[in-house]
Amino acid sequence: MKSKMITLIFIGTMLVTGILSGMAFADRGNTPSLEDRQDRMEMKHEKRMDVMADVLDLSETQQEQIRAIHEMERAEREGTMQQMREYHEQMRTLLESDTFDENTIRSLANKQASLRTEMFVSRAKVKHEVFQLLTAEQQELAQKIKPLLHEQGKHRPPMKGV
């Protein structure tokens, strides 16, 4: 009787483990690849640009200038993102090693923080440059609609003064 109970518990445990493993494996297939996420992000950006061009009544020249600013920033960001990935991989290797090298980890963490700061400054610079391309009326309208843009699906509140 006791051995039947142990056998049933063992089979039940294996069944539950199999089901949960299958669910976890199936869920991994739903995770978009990095390229898919980047493509979606670019499509989202293009859609947002189209909406802003319509709402602010941007001229063709303004739209071309804004695209050029964004393309330049995107090229710079790719180099920065590659560095971030390299630092992240180095950090992972250090964390999985047999010894703990605090100085190297601290150095990598500082480099990552510096890159994040550079990315933030770069985004702020782009926003400023784009804002400067707008006429006074467009700037005023952009300020008025900015809170509405942040309400639509944004996960963080808008920054004051940006």
N, C-alpha and C. Protein backbone atom coordinates (compact mmCIF):
# COMPACT_ATOMS: atom_id res chain seq x y z
N MET A 1 0.84 -1.19 0.00
CA MET A 1 0.00 0.00 0.00
C MET A 1 0.88 1.25 0.00
N LYS A 2 1.91 1.24 0.85
CA LYS A 2 2.79 2.40 0.96
C LYS A 2 3.57 2.60 -0.34
N SER A 3 4.00 1.51 -0.96
CA SER A 3 4.75 1.63 -2.22
C SER A 3 3.85 2.13 -3.35
N LYS A 4 2.57 1.77 -3.36
CA LYS A 4 1.63 2.27 -4.36
C LYS A 4 1.44 3.78 -4.20
N MET A 5 1.36 4.22 -2.95
CA MET A 5 1.19 5.65 -2.66
C MET A 5 2.42 6.43 -3.14
N ILE A 6 3.60 5.92 -2.89
CA ILE A 6 4.84 6.58 -3.32
C ILE A 6 4.90 6.61 -4.84
N THR A 7 4.52 5.51 -5.47
CA THR A 7 4.51 5.44 -6.93
C THR A 7 3.54 6.47 -7.51
N LEU A 8 2.35 6.58 -6.95
CA LEU A 8 1.37 7.55 -7.43
C LEU A 8 1.86 8.99 -7.24
N ILE A 9 2.47 9.26 -6.11
CA ILE A 9 3.03 10.60 -5.86
C ILE A 9 4.13 10.90 -6.86
N PHE A 10 5.00 9.91 -7.10
CA PHE A 10 6.09 10.08 -8.06
C PHE A 10 5.53 10.35 -9.45
N ILE A 11 4.56 9.58 -9.90
CA ILE A 11 3.97 9.75 -11.23
C ILE A 11 3.27 11.10 -11.32
N GLY A 12 2.55 11.50 -10.26
CA GLY A 12 1.88 12.80 -10.24
C GLY A 12 2.89 13.93 -10.34
N THR A 13 3.97 13.80 -9.59
CA THR A 13 5.02 14.84 -9.62
C THR A 13 5.63 14.94 -11.01
N MET A 14 5.92 13.81 -11.63
CA MET A 14 6.51 13.81 -12.97
C MET A 14 5.53 14.40 -13.99
N LEU A 15 4.25 14.09 -13.83
CA LEU A 15 3.24 14.62 -14.74
C LEU A 15 3.16 16.15 -14.63
N VAL A 16 3.10 16.65 -13.40
CA VAL A 16 3.03 18.10 -13.18
C VAL A 16 4.29 18.77 -13.70
N THR A 17 5.45 18.17 -13.43
CA THR A 17 6.72 18.74 -13.91
C THR A 17 6.73 18.79 -15.43
N GLY A 18 6.28 17.74 -16.07
CA GLY A 18 6.23 17.70 -17.53
C GLY A 18 5.32 18.77 -18.10
N ILE A 19 4.16 18.92 -17.49
CA ILE A 19 3.20 19.93 -17.97
C ILE A 19 3.78 21.33 -17.80
N LEU A 20 4.34 21.61 -16.63
CA LEU A 20 4.91 22.94 -16.39
C LEU A 20 6.09 23.21 -17.31
N SER A 21 6.94 22.20 -17.55
CA SER A 21 8.08 22.37 -18.46
C SER A 21 7.59 22.66 -19.87
N GLY A 22 6.55 21.93 -20.29
CA GLY A 22 5.99 22.16 -21.62
C GLY A 22 5.44 23.56 -21.77
N MET A 23 4.76 24.03 -20.71
CA MET A 23 4.20 25.39 -20.75
C MET A 23 5.32 26.41 -20.83
N ALA A 24 6.38 26.21 -20.05
CA ALA A 24 7.50 27.15 -20.07
C ALA A 24 8.18 27.16 -21.43
N PHE A 25 8.35 25.97 -22.01
CA PHE A 25 8.98 25.89 -23.33
C PHE A 25 8.11 26.55 -24.39
N ALA A 26 6.81 26.31 -24.34
CA ALA A 26 5.89 26.90 -25.30
C ALA A 26 5.88 28.42 -25.18
N ASP A 27 5.97 28.93 -23.95
CA ASP A 27 5.96 30.37 -23.74
C ASP A 27 7.21 31.02 -24.31
N ARG A 28 8.33 30.31 -24.30
CA ARG A 28 9.56 30.87 -24.85
C ARG A 28 9.41 31.17 -26.33
N GLY A 29 8.60 30.38 -27.02
CA GLY A 29 8.38 30.60 -28.45
C GLY A 29 7.63 31.89 -28.73
N ASN A 30 6.91 32.42 -27.74
CA ASN A 30 6.14 33.64 -27.93
C ASN A 30 6.97 34.89 -27.70
N THR A 31 8.18 34.74 -27.18
CA THR A 31 9.03 35.89 -26.91
C THR A 31 9.64 36.37 -28.23
N PRO A 32 9.40 37.62 -28.59
CA PRO A 32 9.93 38.10 -29.87
C PRO A 32 11.45 38.22 -29.82
N SER A 33 12.08 38.00 -30.96
CA SER A 33 13.53 38.13 -31.02
C SER A 33 13.90 39.61 -30.94
N LEU A 34 15.17 39.85 -30.74
CA LEU A 34 15.66 41.23 -30.64
C LEU A 34 15.37 42.00 -31.92
N GLU A 35 15.55 41.33 -33.08
CA GLU A 35 15.29 42.00 -34.35
C GLU A 35 13.81 42.36 -34.48
N ASP A 36 12.92 41.43 -34.05
CA ASP A 36 11.48 41.70 -34.12
C ASP A 36 11.12 42.90 -33.25
N ARG A 37 11.70 42.95 -32.05
CA ARG A 37 11.41 44.08 -31.16
C ARG A 37 11.90 45.38 -31.77
N GLN A 38 13.08 45.34 -32.38
CA GLN A 38 13.61 46.56 -33.00
C GLN A 38 12.75 46.97 -34.18
N ASP A 39 12.31 46.00 -34.97
CA ASP A 39 11.43 46.32 -36.10
C ASP A 39 10.13 46.95 -35.61
N ARG A 40 9.54 46.36 -34.56
CA ARG A 40 8.30 46.91 -34.02
C ARG A 40 8.53 48.32 -33.48
N MET A 41 9.67 48.52 -32.83
CA MET A 41 9.97 49.84 -32.28
C MET A 41 10.12 50.87 -33.40
N GLU A 42 10.76 50.48 -34.50
CA GLU A 42 10.93 51.39 -35.62
C GLU A 42 9.58 51.70 -36.28
N MET A 43 8.73 50.68 -36.40
CA MET A 43 7.40 50.90 -36.97
C MET A 43 6.59 51.84 -36.08
N LYS A 44 6.70 51.64 -34.77
CA LYS A 44 6.00 52.50 -33.82
C LYS A 44 6.50 53.94 -33.96
N HIS A 45 7.81 54.09 -34.11
CA HIS A 45 8.40 55.42 -34.26
C HIS A 45 7.89 56.08 -35.54
N GLU A 46 7.87 55.34 -36.64
CA GLU A 46 7.38 55.89 -37.91
C GLU A 46 5.92 56.31 -37.80
N LYS A 47 5.12 55.47 -37.15
CA LYS A 47 3.70 55.80 -36.98
C LYS A 47 3.56 57.08 -36.15
N ARG A 48 4.36 57.18 -35.09
CA ARG A 48 4.31 58.37 -34.25
C ARG A 48 4.74 59.61 -35.03
N MET A 49 5.77 59.44 -35.87
CA MET A 49 6.22 60.56 -36.70
C MET A 49 5.12 61.01 -37.65
N ASP A 50 4.40 60.06 -38.25
CA ASP A 50 3.31 60.40 -39.17
C ASP A 50 2.21 61.16 -38.44
N VAL A 51 1.87 60.70 -37.24
CA VAL A 51 0.82 61.37 -36.47
C VAL A 51 1.27 62.78 -36.11
N MET A 52 2.52 62.91 -35.65
CA MET A 52 3.02 64.23 -35.27
C MET A 52 3.08 65.16 -36.48
N ALA A 53 3.46 64.61 -37.64
CA ALA A 53 3.51 65.44 -38.85
C ALA A 53 2.12 65.96 -39.19
N ASP A 54 1.11 65.11 -39.02
CA ASP A 54 -0.26 65.54 -39.30
C ASP A 54 -0.76 66.55 -38.27
N VAL A 55 -0.57 66.22 -37.01
CA VAL A 55 -1.10 67.07 -35.93
C VAL A 55 -0.42 68.44 -35.92
N LEU A 56 0.90 68.44 -36.07
CA LEU A 56 1.63 69.71 -36.03
C LEU A 56 1.72 70.38 -37.40
N ASP A 57 1.19 69.73 -38.42
CA ASP A 57 1.22 70.26 -39.78
C ASP A 57 2.66 70.58 -40.19
N LEU A 58 3.53 69.56 -40.07
CA LEU A 58 4.94 69.75 -40.42
C LEU A 58 5.11 69.82 -41.93
N SER A 59 5.99 70.70 -42.37
CA SER A 59 6.30 70.80 -43.80
C SER A 59 7.18 69.60 -44.18
N GLU A 60 7.31 69.37 -45.47
CA GLU A 60 8.17 68.28 -45.96
C GLU A 60 9.61 68.50 -45.50
N THR A 61 10.05 69.75 -45.55
CA THR A 61 11.41 70.09 -45.12
C THR A 61 11.61 69.74 -43.65
N GLN A 62 10.66 70.12 -42.82
CA GLN A 62 10.75 69.80 -41.39
C GLN A 62 10.79 68.29 -41.18
N GLN A 63 9.94 67.57 -41.89
CA GLN A 63 9.92 66.11 -41.74
C GLN A 63 11.25 65.48 -42.14
N GLU A 64 11.84 65.96 -43.23
CA GLU A 64 13.14 65.45 -43.68
C GLU A 64 14.22 65.77 -42.66
N GLN A 65 14.21 66.99 -42.11
CA GLN A 65 15.20 67.36 -41.11
C GLN A 65 15.06 66.51 -39.85
N ILE A 66 13.83 66.28 -39.44
CA ILE A 66 13.59 65.47 -38.23
C ILE A 66 14.05 64.03 -38.47
N ARG A 67 13.75 63.49 -39.64
CA ARG A 67 14.20 62.12 -39.95
C ARG A 67 15.73 62.04 -39.94
N ALA A 68 16.39 63.06 -40.48
CA ALA A 68 17.86 63.08 -40.51
C ALA A 68 18.42 63.10 -39.09
N ILE A 69 17.81 63.89 -38.22
CA ILE A 69 18.25 63.95 -36.82
C ILE A 69 18.10 62.58 -36.17
N HIS A 70 16.94 61.94 -36.38
CA HIS A 70 16.70 60.64 -35.79
C HIS A 70 17.63 59.57 -36.36
N GLU A 71 17.92 59.62 -37.64
CA GLU A 71 18.82 58.64 -38.26
C GLU A 71 20.23 58.77 -37.70
N MET A 72 20.68 60.01 -37.52
CA MET A 72 22.01 60.22 -36.97
C MET A 72 22.09 59.68 -35.54
N GLU A 73 21.04 59.95 -34.76
CA GLU A 73 21.01 59.48 -33.38
C GLU A 73 20.93 57.95 -33.34
N ARG A 74 20.19 57.36 -34.26
CA ARG A 74 20.05 55.90 -34.30
C ARG A 74 21.41 55.26 -34.60
N ALA A 75 22.17 55.83 -35.50
CA ALA A 75 23.49 55.29 -35.84
C ALA A 75 24.42 55.37 -34.63
N GLU A 76 24.40 56.49 -33.92
CA GLU A 76 25.22 56.64 -32.72
C GLU A 76 24.77 55.67 -31.63
N ARG A 77 23.46 55.50 -31.49
CA ARG A 77 22.90 54.64 -30.45
C ARG A 77 23.29 53.18 -30.68
N GLU A 78 23.38 52.76 -31.94
CA GLU A 78 23.73 51.37 -32.22
C GLU A 78 25.12 51.04 -31.68
N GLY A 79 26.07 51.95 -31.87
CA GLY A 79 27.41 51.74 -31.31
C GLY A 79 27.38 51.66 -29.80
N THR A 80 26.60 52.53 -29.19
CA THR A 80 26.48 52.53 -27.73
C THR A 80 25.81 51.25 -27.24
N MET A 81 24.78 50.81 -27.95
CA MET A 81 24.09 49.58 -27.55
C MET A 81 25.02 48.37 -27.68
N GLN A 82 25.88 48.37 -28.70
CA GLN A 82 26.83 47.27 -28.85
C GLN A 82 27.79 47.24 -27.66
N GLN A 83 28.25 48.41 -27.25
CA GLN A 83 29.13 48.49 -26.07
C GLN A 83 28.40 47.98 -24.83
N MET A 84 27.12 48.36 -24.69
CA MET A 84 26.33 47.91 -23.54
C MET A 84 26.23 46.39 -23.53
N ARG A 85 25.98 45.80 -24.69
CA ARG A 85 25.89 44.34 -24.77
C ARG A 85 27.22 43.69 -24.40
N GLU A 86 28.32 44.27 -24.85
CA GLU A 86 29.65 43.73 -24.51
C GLU A 86 29.91 43.81 -23.01
N TYR A 87 29.60 44.95 -22.41
CA TYR A 87 29.79 45.09 -20.95
C TYR A 87 28.90 44.12 -20.20
N HIS A 88 27.68 43.95 -20.68
CA HIS A 88 26.75 43.02 -20.03
C HIS A 88 27.29 41.59 -20.09
N GLU A 89 27.82 41.22 -21.23
CA GLU A 89 28.38 39.86 -21.38
C GLU A 89 29.61 39.69 -20.49
N GLN A 90 30.45 40.71 -20.41
CA GLN A 90 31.62 40.64 -19.53
C GLN A 90 31.17 40.50 -18.08
N MET A 91 30.14 41.24 -17.71
CA MET A 91 29.61 41.18 -16.34
C MET A 91 29.09 39.77 -16.06
N ARG A 92 28.35 39.20 -17.00
CA ARG A 92 27.82 37.85 -16.81
C ARG A 92 28.95 36.85 -16.62
N THR A 93 29.99 36.97 -17.42
CA THR A 93 31.14 36.07 -17.29
C THR A 93 31.78 36.21 -15.91
N LEU A 94 31.94 37.43 -15.46
CA LEU A 94 32.54 37.66 -14.14
C LEU A 94 31.67 37.09 -13.02
N LEU A 95 30.37 37.24 -13.14
CA LEU A 95 29.47 36.75 -12.09
C LEU A 95 29.42 35.24 -12.04
N GLU A 96 29.72 34.58 -13.15
CA GLU A 96 29.70 33.13 -13.19
C GLU A 96 31.06 32.52 -12.89
N SER A 97 32.08 33.35 -12.70
CA SER A 97 33.42 32.82 -12.43
C SER A 97 33.52 32.34 -10.98
N ASP A 98 34.59 31.62 -10.70
CA ASP A 98 34.79 31.04 -9.36
C ASP A 98 35.15 32.08 -8.31
N THR A 99 35.76 33.18 -8.75
CA THR A 99 36.15 34.22 -7.79
C THR A 99 35.36 35.50 -8.07
N PHE A 100 35.29 36.34 -7.06
CA PHE A 100 34.56 37.60 -7.18
C PHE A 100 35.57 38.73 -7.32
N ASP A 101 35.58 39.40 -8.47
CA ASP A 101 36.50 40.50 -8.74
C ASP A 101 35.73 41.81 -8.64
N GLU A 102 35.67 42.34 -7.42
CA GLU A 102 34.86 43.54 -7.18
C GLU A 102 35.31 44.74 -7.99
N ASN A 103 36.62 44.93 -8.12
CA ASN A 103 37.12 46.10 -8.86
C ASN A 103 36.71 46.08 -10.33
N THR A 104 36.80 44.92 -10.94
CA THR A 104 36.42 44.81 -12.36
C THR A 104 34.92 45.00 -12.52
N ILE A 105 34.14 44.39 -11.64
CA ILE A 105 32.68 44.54 -11.70
C ILE A 105 32.29 46.00 -11.48
N ARG A 106 32.93 46.63 -10.52
CA ARG A 106 32.66 48.05 -10.25
C ARG A 106 33.00 48.91 -11.48
N SER A 107 34.12 48.59 -12.12
CA SER A 107 34.53 49.32 -13.31
C SER A 107 33.52 49.15 -14.44
N LEU A 108 33.07 47.91 -14.66
CA LEU A 108 32.06 47.66 -15.70
C LEU A 108 30.75 48.36 -15.37
N ALA A 109 30.35 48.34 -14.12
CA ALA A 109 29.11 49.00 -13.71
C ALA A 109 29.21 50.51 -13.97
N ASN A 110 30.36 51.10 -13.69
CA ASN A 110 30.56 52.52 -13.95
C ASN A 110 30.52 52.82 -15.45
N LYS A 111 31.10 51.93 -16.26
CA LYS A 111 31.06 52.12 -17.70
C LYS A 111 29.63 52.04 -18.22
N GLN A 112 28.87 51.07 -17.70
CA GLN A 112 27.46 50.95 -18.10
C GLN A 112 26.67 52.20 -17.71
N ALA A 113 26.90 52.69 -16.51
CA ALA A 113 26.20 53.89 -16.05
C ALA A 113 26.56 55.09 -16.93
N SER A 114 27.81 55.18 -17.31
CA SER A 114 28.25 56.27 -18.17
C SER A 114 27.57 56.19 -19.54
N LEU A 115 27.46 54.97 -20.08
CA LEU A 115 26.78 54.81 -21.37
C LEU A 115 25.30 55.16 -21.26
N ARG A 116 24.67 54.78 -20.17
CA ARG A 116 23.25 55.13 -19.98
C ARG A 116 23.09 56.65 -19.92
N THR A 117 24.00 57.32 -19.26
CA THR A 117 23.97 58.77 -19.19
C THR A 117 24.11 59.37 -20.58
N GLU A 118 25.04 58.84 -21.36
CA GLU A 118 25.24 59.33 -22.72
C GLU A 118 23.98 59.12 -23.57
N MET A 119 23.32 57.98 -23.40
CA MET A 119 22.09 57.72 -24.15
C MET A 119 21.00 58.70 -23.75
N PHE A 120 20.88 58.98 -22.47
CA PHE A 120 19.88 59.94 -21.99
C PHE A 120 20.16 61.33 -22.57
N VAL A 121 21.42 61.75 -22.53
CA VAL A 121 21.79 63.06 -23.06
C VAL A 121 21.53 63.12 -24.57
N SER A 122 21.82 62.03 -25.26
CA SER A 122 21.58 61.98 -26.70
C SER A 122 20.10 62.12 -27.02
N ARG A 123 19.24 61.42 -26.27
CA ARG A 123 17.79 61.54 -26.50
C ARG A 123 17.31 62.95 -26.20
N ALA A 124 17.82 63.55 -25.14
CA ALA A 124 17.43 64.92 -24.79
C ALA A 124 17.87 65.89 -25.88
N LYS A 125 19.06 65.67 -26.41
CA LYS A 125 19.58 66.53 -27.48
C LYS A 125 18.70 66.43 -28.72
N VAL A 126 18.29 65.22 -29.07
CA VAL A 126 17.41 65.02 -30.23
C VAL A 126 16.09 65.75 -30.02
N LYS A 127 15.50 65.59 -28.84
CA LYS A 127 14.23 66.27 -28.56
C LYS A 127 14.39 67.79 -28.70
N HIS A 128 15.49 68.30 -28.18
CA HIS A 128 15.74 69.74 -28.27
C HIS A 128 15.89 70.18 -29.73
N GLU A 129 16.69 69.43 -30.50
CA GLU A 129 16.92 69.80 -31.89
C GLU A 129 15.61 69.77 -32.69
N VAL A 130 14.80 68.75 -32.45
CA VAL A 130 13.52 68.65 -33.15
C VAL A 130 12.62 69.81 -32.74
N PHE A 131 12.57 70.11 -31.47
CA PHE A 131 11.72 71.21 -30.98
C PHE A 131 12.14 72.54 -31.61
N GLN A 132 13.44 72.72 -31.82
CA GLN A 132 13.94 73.96 -32.41
C GLN A 132 13.57 74.09 -33.88
N LEU A 133 13.27 72.97 -34.54
CA LEU A 133 12.87 73.02 -35.94
C LEU A 133 11.43 73.50 -36.12
N LEU A 134 10.65 73.45 -35.04
CA LEU A 134 9.24 73.81 -35.11
C LEU A 134 9.06 75.32 -35.07
N THR A 135 7.99 75.77 -35.71
CA THR A 135 7.64 77.19 -35.62
C THR A 135 7.10 77.45 -34.21
N ALA A 136 6.93 78.72 -33.87
CA ALA A 136 6.41 79.07 -32.54
C ALA A 136 5.02 78.45 -32.31
N GLU A 137 4.19 78.47 -33.34
CA GLU A 137 2.84 77.89 -33.21
C GLU A 137 2.91 76.37 -33.02
N GLN A 138 3.80 75.73 -33.77
CA GLN A 138 3.95 74.28 -33.64
C GLN A 138 4.50 73.91 -32.26
N GLN A 139 5.43 74.73 -31.76
CA GLN A 139 5.98 74.48 -30.43
C GLN A 139 4.89 74.57 -29.37
N GLU A 140 4.05 75.58 -29.50
CA GLU A 140 2.96 75.77 -28.54
C GLU A 140 2.00 74.59 -28.58
N LEU A 141 1.65 74.16 -29.79
CA LEU A 141 0.75 73.02 -29.93
C LEU A 141 1.40 71.74 -29.39
N ALA A 142 2.68 71.56 -29.66
CA ALA A 142 3.40 70.38 -29.16
C ALA A 142 3.38 70.34 -27.63
N GLN A 143 3.55 71.49 -27.00
CA GLN A 143 3.51 71.56 -25.53
C GLN A 143 2.12 71.19 -25.01
N LYS A 144 1.09 71.61 -25.75
CA LYS A 144 -0.28 71.32 -25.30
C LYS A 144 -0.63 69.85 -25.43
N ILE A 145 -0.15 69.20 -26.49
CA ILE A 145 -0.53 67.80 -26.69
C ILE A 145 0.42 66.80 -26.03
N LYS A 146 1.54 67.28 -25.51
CA LYS A 146 2.51 66.37 -24.89
C LYS A 146 1.89 65.52 -23.78
N PRO A 147 1.09 66.07 -22.88
CA PRO A 147 0.48 65.22 -21.84
C PRO A 147 -0.42 64.13 -22.42
N LEU A 148 -1.08 64.40 -23.52
CA LEU A 148 -1.94 63.40 -24.14
C LEU A 148 -1.13 62.24 -24.69
N LEU A 149 0.04 62.53 -25.24
CA LEU A 149 0.89 61.48 -25.79
C LEU A 149 1.39 60.55 -24.69
N HIS A 150 1.67 61.09 -23.53
CA HIS A 150 2.19 60.28 -22.44
C HIS A 150 1.12 59.44 -21.79
N GLU A 151 -0.14 59.81 -21.95
CA GLU A 151 -1.23 59.02 -21.38
C GLU A 151 -1.48 57.76 -22.20
N GLN A 152 -1.15 57.78 -23.47
CA GLN A 152 -1.48 56.68 -24.36
C GLN A 152 -0.44 55.57 -24.28
N GLY A 153 -0.63 54.67 -23.31
CA GLY A 153 0.19 53.47 -23.24
C GLY A 153 1.58 53.64 -22.69
N LYS A 154 1.91 54.77 -22.19
CA LYS A 154 3.22 54.95 -21.61
C LYS A 154 3.24 54.37 -20.21
N HIS A 155 4.36 53.80 -19.83
CA HIS A 155 4.48 53.17 -18.52
C HIS A 155 5.09 54.10 -17.48
N ARG A 156 5.54 55.24 -17.93
CA ARG A 156 6.13 56.18 -16.98
C ARG A 156 5.54 57.56 -17.21
N PRO A 157 5.47 58.36 -16.18
CA PRO A 157 4.90 59.69 -16.36
C PRO A 157 5.86 60.59 -17.13
N PRO A 158 5.33 61.62 -17.78
CA PRO A 158 6.21 62.53 -18.54
C PRO A 158 7.14 63.29 -17.60
N MET A 159 8.33 63.59 -18.12
CA MET A 159 9.29 64.35 -17.33
C MET A 159 8.91 65.82 -17.43
N LYS A 160 9.03 66.51 -16.34
CA LYS A 160 8.71 67.94 -16.32
C LYS A 160 9.81 68.72 -17.04
N GLY A 161 9.39 69.64 -17.88
CA GLY A 161 10.35 70.55 -18.51
C GLY A 161 11.07 69.98 -19.70
N VAL A 162 10.71 68.78 -20.18
CA VAL A 162 11.40 68.21 -21.34
C VAL A 162 10.47 68.19 -22.50
